[in-house]
Amino acid sequence: MVAQWRCFTVEPCNVVFHRPKKAMVFFHKNWRQRRSVLFSPAANRRALEKAPNLKCDGIIFDLEDSIADSQRSDAHQNLIDLVKDTDFAGMERIIRLPQLDQPSFSDDLAVSLACNVDALLLPKVRDAADIAAFQQMLKDAPESLQIWAMIETPGALLNLHEIAKCGEDTRLNCLMVGPNDLAKETGAKMELGRQVMMPWLMQILAAARAYNLCMLDGVFNNFGDADGFDAECRQGASMGYDGKTLIHPSQIDAANLRFGPTMHDTEQAEAIINAFSDPANEGKAVLQIDGEMFEFLHLEQAQQLISSLKN
């Protein structure tokens, strides 16, 4: 399938976006709506209490960077009390574990499995061996449990193909960019516009798409900069990412807007479906609608978009 995207050009200190008419949402084999996925520290009980009422598509309860070892016991109890049997009204629930070699990993994994979440996020993945080792640890877990992996190390960048290929025969479903650790490990600057990281961002995306994996953009640290965040969301959507990871609830609405279909997208999809359904167009492989040419691949995109809105 060939997808049509919003394109952008980078000028000094500015990112200029040009919106085409064709639908922006890319549907891959394992697609589901993941416009906004919020990180929430598992040790913050108040945040977990509020989580079911948020409007994000997914929430990651964090047992890695955001908690100290002294908070780990409380974090475990919070997950059991507030995540295990809580109705999140269709929101995906993910737990980020520490690295495989951390002392707390076994206890963290046991608690996470007891919570019956949708996915477990493995940070600082280095190669396919990490995914394989984690897959073995989950041999007795429900088949529906997914593995998500963070791409945030130089090793992961060098081993992108073999990591993404794990999606063929393991639980791996989603890759996620970790820009802060990438910057730390490589010395790359976290500058507005992310020009220096752009080659990596597109390489990670290409690897994910080669194996039908979901692809989530990394966090934007300055949650007080609404304009900067909005620009980065538009950039991520134009590159083809499924959604963005967030650090604050105030970022949810902008992510949902930029990574979701617009009114124009929906109206255009309906027009494409209606045109190809018209008996007068039977047997035609290409149609002109409002001055644009549309093929069967656009019809497939349109049908998927409308179907996704009904689910």
Protein backbone atom coordinates (compact mmCIF):
# COMPACT_ATOMS: atom_id res chain seq x y z
CA MET A 1 0.00 0.00 0.00
CA VAL A 2 1.26 3.48 -0.86
CA ALA A 3 0.41 6.08 1.77
CA GLN A 4 0.01 9.82 1.15
CA TRP A 5 1.52 12.05 3.80
CA ARG A 6 1.73 15.65 4.81
CA CYS A 7 5.21 16.76 3.82
CA PHE A 8 7.52 19.27 5.44
CA THR A 9 10.60 21.23 4.54
CA VAL A 10 13.20 22.32 7.06
CA GLU A 11 14.43 25.89 6.96
CA PRO A 12 16.81 27.50 9.46
CA CYS A 13 15.06 27.21 12.85
CA ASN A 14 11.66 26.70 11.21
CA VAL A 15 9.57 23.71 10.16
CA VAL A 16 7.02 24.54 7.45
CA PHE A 17 4.21 22.04 6.84
CA HIS A 18 2.14 21.77 3.67
CA ARG A 19 -1.12 19.85 3.91
CA PRO A 20 -2.21 17.84 0.85
CA LYS A 21 -5.78 16.77 0.32
CA LYS A 22 -5.37 12.99 0.51
CA ALA A 23 -5.96 11.14 3.79
CA MET A 24 -3.05 11.28 6.26
CA VAL A 25 -3.75 8.18 8.39
CA PHE A 26 -1.56 5.20 7.53
CA PHE A 27 -3.03 1.77 8.22
CA HIS A 28 -0.71 -1.20 8.60
CA LYS A 29 -1.47 -4.82 9.38
CA ASN A 30 -1.46 -4.43 13.18
CA TRP A 31 -2.90 -0.90 13.25
CA ARG A 32 -4.97 0.39 16.11
CA GLN A 33 -5.51 3.94 17.25
CA ARG A 34 -2.50 5.05 19.31
CA ARG A 35 -2.44 8.81 18.79
CA SER A 36 -1.52 9.62 22.38
CA VAL A 37 0.27 7.35 24.86
CA LEU A 38 0.99 8.95 28.24
CA PHE A 39 3.79 8.02 30.64
CA SER A 40 2.66 7.95 34.27
CA PRO A 41 4.98 7.13 37.22
CA ALA A 42 3.68 4.01 38.95
CA ALA A 43 4.75 5.50 42.28
CA ASN A 44 2.39 8.48 41.85
CA ARG A 45 -0.84 7.12 43.33
CA ARG A 46 -2.82 10.30 42.62
CA ALA A 47 -1.88 10.14 38.93
CA LEU A 48 -2.96 6.50 38.71
CA GLU A 49 -6.28 7.32 40.34
CA LYS A 50 -6.97 9.92 37.65
CA ALA A 51 -5.73 7.78 34.75
CA PRO A 52 -9.01 6.02 33.79
CA ASN A 53 -10.66 9.39 33.10
CA LEU A 54 -8.01 10.65 30.68
CA LYS A 55 -8.66 10.91 26.93
CA CYS A 56 -5.40 9.35 25.73
CA ASP A 57 -5.40 6.14 23.69
CA GLY A 58 -2.91 4.44 25.98
CA ILE A 59 -1.10 4.92 29.26
CA ILE A 60 2.31 3.60 30.29
CA PHE A 61 2.72 2.94 34.01
CA ASP A 62 6.41 3.48 34.56
CA LEU A 63 8.62 1.27 36.70
CA GLU A 64 11.86 2.51 35.16
CA ASP A 65 13.27 6.05 35.05
CA SER A 66 10.54 7.88 36.95
CA ILE A 67 10.77 6.00 40.28
CA ALA A 68 13.51 5.54 42.86
CA ASP A 69 14.26 2.16 44.40
CA SER A 70 12.81 3.42 47.68
CA GLN A 71 9.45 3.93 45.91
CA ARG A 72 9.32 0.54 44.21
CA SER A 73 7.25 -1.24 46.84
CA ASP A 74 4.65 1.55 46.80
CA ALA A 75 4.64 1.49 43.00
CA HIS A 76 3.92 -2.24 43.00
CA GLN A 77 1.04 -1.79 45.41
CA ASN A 78 -0.37 1.09 43.35
CA LEU A 79 -0.42 -1.11 40.25
CA ILE A 80 -2.21 -3.93 42.05
CA ASP A 81 -4.73 -1.54 43.64
CA LEU A 82 -5.41 0.81 40.75
CA VAL A 83 -4.59 -0.99 37.50
CA LYS A 84 -5.18 -4.73 37.94
CA ASP A 85 -9.00 -4.76 38.07
CA THR A 86 -9.76 -1.21 36.96
CA ASP A 87 -11.96 -0.41 33.96
CA PHE A 88 -10.01 1.85 31.59
CA ALA A 89 -12.82 1.97 29.02
CA GLY A 90 -10.78 0.58 26.14
CA MET A 91 -7.61 2.53 26.85
CA GLU A 92 -4.49 0.41 26.33
CA ARG A 93 -2.56 -0.28 29.54
CA ILE A 94 1.19 -0.75 29.32
CA ILE A 95 3.82 -1.16 32.04
CA ARG A 96 7.39 -0.09 31.38
CA LEU A 97 9.84 -2.39 33.10
CA PRO A 98 13.48 -1.65 33.96
CA GLN A 99 16.28 -3.15 31.87
CA LEU A 100 16.55 -6.92 31.82
CA ASP A 101 19.73 -6.93 33.92
CA GLN A 102 18.42 -4.70 36.72
CA PRO A 103 18.09 -6.27 40.22
CA SER A 104 14.41 -5.38 40.50
CA PHE A 105 13.43 -6.83 37.12
CA SER A 106 12.06 -10.17 38.35
CA ASP A 107 9.85 -8.59 41.01
CA ASP A 108 8.70 -5.88 38.62
CA LEU A 109 7.80 -8.47 36.00
CA ALA A 110 5.85 -10.59 38.47
CA VAL A 111 3.74 -7.62 39.56
CA SER A 112 3.24 -6.52 35.96
CA LEU A 113 1.99 -9.96 34.90
CA ALA A 114 -0.41 -10.00 37.83
CA CYS A 115 -1.96 -6.76 36.56
CA ASN A 116 -3.18 -8.33 33.30
CA VAL A 117 -2.17 -5.34 31.19
CA ASP A 118 -2.14 -5.18 27.39
CA ALA A 119 1.61 -4.79 26.87
CA LEU A 120 4.97 -4.68 28.60
CA LEU A 121 7.48 -2.07 27.44
CA LEU A 122 11.15 -3.06 27.43
CA PRO A 123 13.56 -0.11 27.62
CA LYS A 124 17.05 0.26 26.15
CA VAL A 125 16.77 -2.71 23.82
CA ARG A 126 20.13 -3.41 22.22
CA ASP A 127 19.49 -6.29 19.82
CA ALA A 128 17.21 -9.19 18.93
CA ALA A 129 18.65 -11.26 21.76
CA ASP A 130 16.98 -8.92 24.27
CA ILE A 131 13.60 -9.49 22.62
CA ALA A 132 14.17 -13.24 22.46
CA ALA A 133 15.12 -13.41 26.14
CA PHE A 134 12.05 -11.42 27.13
CA GLN A 135 9.84 -13.55 24.90
CA GLN A 136 11.03 -16.65 26.78
CA MET A 137 10.16 -15.05 30.11
CA LEU A 138 6.59 -14.57 28.88
CA LYS A 139 6.06 -18.13 27.65
CA ASP A 140 3.24 -18.74 30.15
CA ALA A 141 1.60 -15.31 29.80
CA PRO A 142 -1.70 -14.84 27.92
CA GLU A 143 -1.29 -14.82 24.15
CA SER A 144 -2.78 -11.33 23.99
CA LEU A 145 0.09 -9.80 25.99
CA GLN A 146 2.28 -7.72 23.68
CA ILE A 147 5.92 -6.66 23.83
CA TRP A 148 6.75 -3.04 23.10
CA ALA A 149 10.40 -2.04 22.69
CA MET A 150 12.16 1.29 23.12
CA ILE A 151 14.76 2.26 20.53
CA GLU A 152 17.05 4.54 22.51
CA THR A 153 20.60 3.16 22.29
CA PRO A 154 23.31 3.28 19.60
CA GLY A 155 23.26 -0.52 19.58
CA ALA A 156 19.56 -0.54 18.77
CA LEU A 157 20.13 1.83 15.85
CA LEU A 158 22.78 -0.53 14.45
CA ASN A 159 20.52 -3.57 14.95
CA LEU A 160 17.20 -2.10 13.82
CA HIS A 161 16.50 -4.73 11.18
CA GLU A 162 16.99 -7.73 13.44
CA ILE A 163 15.03 -6.11 16.26
CA ALA A 164 12.04 -5.26 14.06
CA LYS A 165 12.17 -8.71 12.42
CA CYS A 166 11.33 -10.18 15.84
CA GLY A 167 7.80 -9.02 15.09
CA GLU A 168 7.43 -12.05 12.81
CA ASP A 169 7.73 -14.71 15.52
CA THR A 170 7.47 -13.03 18.93
CA ARG A 171 4.99 -10.87 20.81
CA LEU A 172 6.71 -7.69 19.56
CA ASN A 173 4.01 -5.29 18.35
CA CYS A 174 5.33 -1.76 18.76
CA LEU A 175 8.57 0.25 18.60
CA MET A 176 8.99 3.53 20.46
CA VAL A 177 11.61 6.23 20.05
CA GLY A 178 13.49 7.23 23.21
CA PRO A 179 14.99 10.60 22.20
CA ASN A 180 16.39 11.58 25.59
CA ASP A 181 18.53 8.46 25.93
CA LEU A 182 19.54 8.63 22.28
CA ALA A 183 20.79 12.16 22.87
CA LYS A 184 22.59 11.11 26.05
CA GLU A 185 24.27 8.08 24.45
CA THR A 186 25.29 9.75 21.18
CA GLY A 187 25.84 13.40 22.05
CA ALA A 188 23.19 14.52 19.55
CA LYS A 189 21.50 17.80 20.46
CA MET A 190 17.82 17.90 21.40
CA GLU A 191 17.18 21.01 19.32
CA LEU A 192 13.79 22.28 18.20
CA GLY A 193 12.98 20.68 14.85
CA ARG A 194 15.12 17.57 15.57
CA GLN A 195 17.11 18.04 12.37
CA VAL A 196 20.12 16.08 13.61
CA MET A 197 17.95 13.13 14.67
CA MET A 198 15.88 13.00 11.50
CA PRO A 199 17.92 10.22 9.80
CA TRP A 200 17.48 7.98 12.85
CA LEU A 201 13.77 8.74 13.16
CA MET A 202 13.13 7.72 9.56
CA GLN A 203 15.34 4.61 9.82
CA ILE A 204 13.43 3.44 12.90
CA LEU A 205 10.14 4.06 11.11
CA ALA A 206 11.25 2.13 8.03
CA ALA A 207 12.27 -0.86 10.15
CA ALA A 208 8.93 -0.87 11.93
CA ARG A 209 6.94 -0.65 8.71
CA ALA A 210 8.95 -3.47 7.10
CA TYR A 211 7.51 -5.82 9.74
CA ASN A 212 4.07 -4.24 10.32
CA LEU A 213 4.92 -2.83 13.73
CA CYS A 214 3.28 0.16 15.36
CA MET A 215 5.65 3.15 15.57
CA LEU A 216 5.40 5.79 18.31
CA ASP A 217 7.28 9.07 18.34
CA GLY A 218 9.25 10.11 21.42
CA VAL A 219 8.38 12.55 24.17
CA PHE A 220 8.60 16.34 24.00
CA ASN A 221 10.14 17.44 27.29
CA ASN A 222 8.91 21.03 27.65
CA PHE A 223 5.20 20.45 28.27
CA GLY A 224 4.78 24.20 28.86
CA ASP A 225 5.68 24.90 25.21
CA ALA A 226 2.38 24.17 23.51
CA ASP A 227 3.46 25.56 20.14
CA GLY A 228 6.68 23.54 20.10
CA PHE A 229 4.80 20.39 21.02
CA ASP A 230 2.19 20.98 18.32
CA ALA A 231 4.90 21.46 15.70
CA GLU A 232 6.64 18.24 16.74
CA CYS A 233 3.33 16.34 16.58
CA ARG A 234 2.74 17.62 13.05
CA GLN A 235 6.27 16.63 12.14
CA GLY A 236 5.83 13.12 13.55
CA ALA A 237 2.52 12.67 11.76
CA SER A 238 4.05 13.85 8.48
CA MET A 239 6.81 11.25 8.82
CA GLY A 240 4.25 8.48 9.26
CA TYR A 241 4.32 7.78 12.99
CA ASP A 242 1.17 6.29 14.51
CA GLY A 243 1.20 8.56 17.54
CA LYS A 244 3.30 10.23 20.20
CA THR A 245 4.37 9.41 23.73
CA LEU A 246 3.57 12.11 26.27
CA ILE A 247 4.84 13.25 29.65
CA HIS A 248 1.87 15.36 30.78
CA PRO A 249 -1.93 15.15 30.38
CA SER A 250 -1.95 18.68 28.92
CA GLN A 251 -0.40 17.22 25.75
CA ILE A 252 -3.18 14.72 25.05
CA ASP A 253 -5.55 16.92 23.03
CA ALA A 254 -2.87 18.19 20.65
CA ALA A 255 -1.56 14.68 19.99
CA ASN A 256 -5.07 13.36 19.36
CA LEU A 257 -5.71 16.19 16.92
CA ARG A 258 -2.49 15.89 14.93
CA PHE A 259 -2.33 12.10 14.69
CA GLY A 260 -6.04 11.53 14.18
CA PRO A 261 -8.16 12.03 11.05
CA THR A 262 -9.54 15.52 10.49
CA MET A 263 -13.05 16.41 9.36
CA HIS A 264 -11.61 16.88 5.87
CA ASP A 265 -10.05 13.42 5.93
CA THR A 266 -13.36 11.86 6.94
CA GLU A 267 -15.40 13.76 4.36
CA GLN A 268 -12.91 12.90 1.64
CA ALA A 269 -12.89 9.22 2.61
CA GLU A 270 -16.68 9.12 2.36
CA ALA A 271 -16.53 10.83 -1.05
CA ILE A 272 -14.01 8.25 -2.32
CA ILE A 273 -16.13 5.34 -1.10
CA ASN A 274 -19.28 6.82 -2.63
CA ALA A 275 -17.57 7.47 -5.96
CA PHE A 276 -16.22 3.94 -6.30
CA SER A 277 -19.60 2.53 -5.23
CA ASP A 278 -21.45 4.49 -7.93
CA PRO A 279 -22.69 2.04 -10.61
CA ALA A 280 -21.64 4.60 -13.22
CA ASN A 281 -18.01 4.02 -12.18
CA GLU A 282 -18.13 0.23 -12.17
CA GLY A 283 -14.94 -1.27 -13.58
CA LYS A 284 -12.96 1.96 -13.33
CA ALA A 285 -9.58 1.73 -11.56
CA VAL A 286 -8.97 5.49 -11.37
CA LEU A 287 -11.45 8.25 -10.61
CA GLN A 288 -11.25 12.03 -10.54
CA ILE A 289 -12.77 13.60 -7.44
CA ASP A 290 -12.58 17.37 -6.93
CA GLY A 291 -9.66 17.68 -9.29
CA GLU A 292 -7.59 14.83 -7.80
CA MET A 293 -6.98 11.34 -9.11
CA PHE A 294 -7.78 8.40 -6.83
CA GLU A 295 -6.96 4.72 -7.28
CA PHE A 296 -8.02 1.50 -5.52
CA LEU A 297 -5.27 1.98 -2.92
CA HIS A 298 -6.97 5.23 -1.87
CA LEU A 299 -10.30 3.42 -1.68
CA GLU A 300 -8.73 0.87 0.66
CA GLN A 301 -7.35 3.67 2.84
CA ALA A 302 -10.73 5.39 2.89
CA GLN A 303 -12.53 2.20 3.90
CA GLN A 304 -10.05 1.56 6.69
CA LEU A 305 -10.39 5.11 7.97
CA ILE A 306 -14.18 4.98 8.13
CA SER A 307 -14.08 1.51 9.68
CA SER A 308 -11.67 2.72 12.38
CA LEU A 309 -14.05 5.52 13.35
CA LYS A 310 -16.85 3.00 13.93
CA ASN A 311 -14.79 0.80 16.28
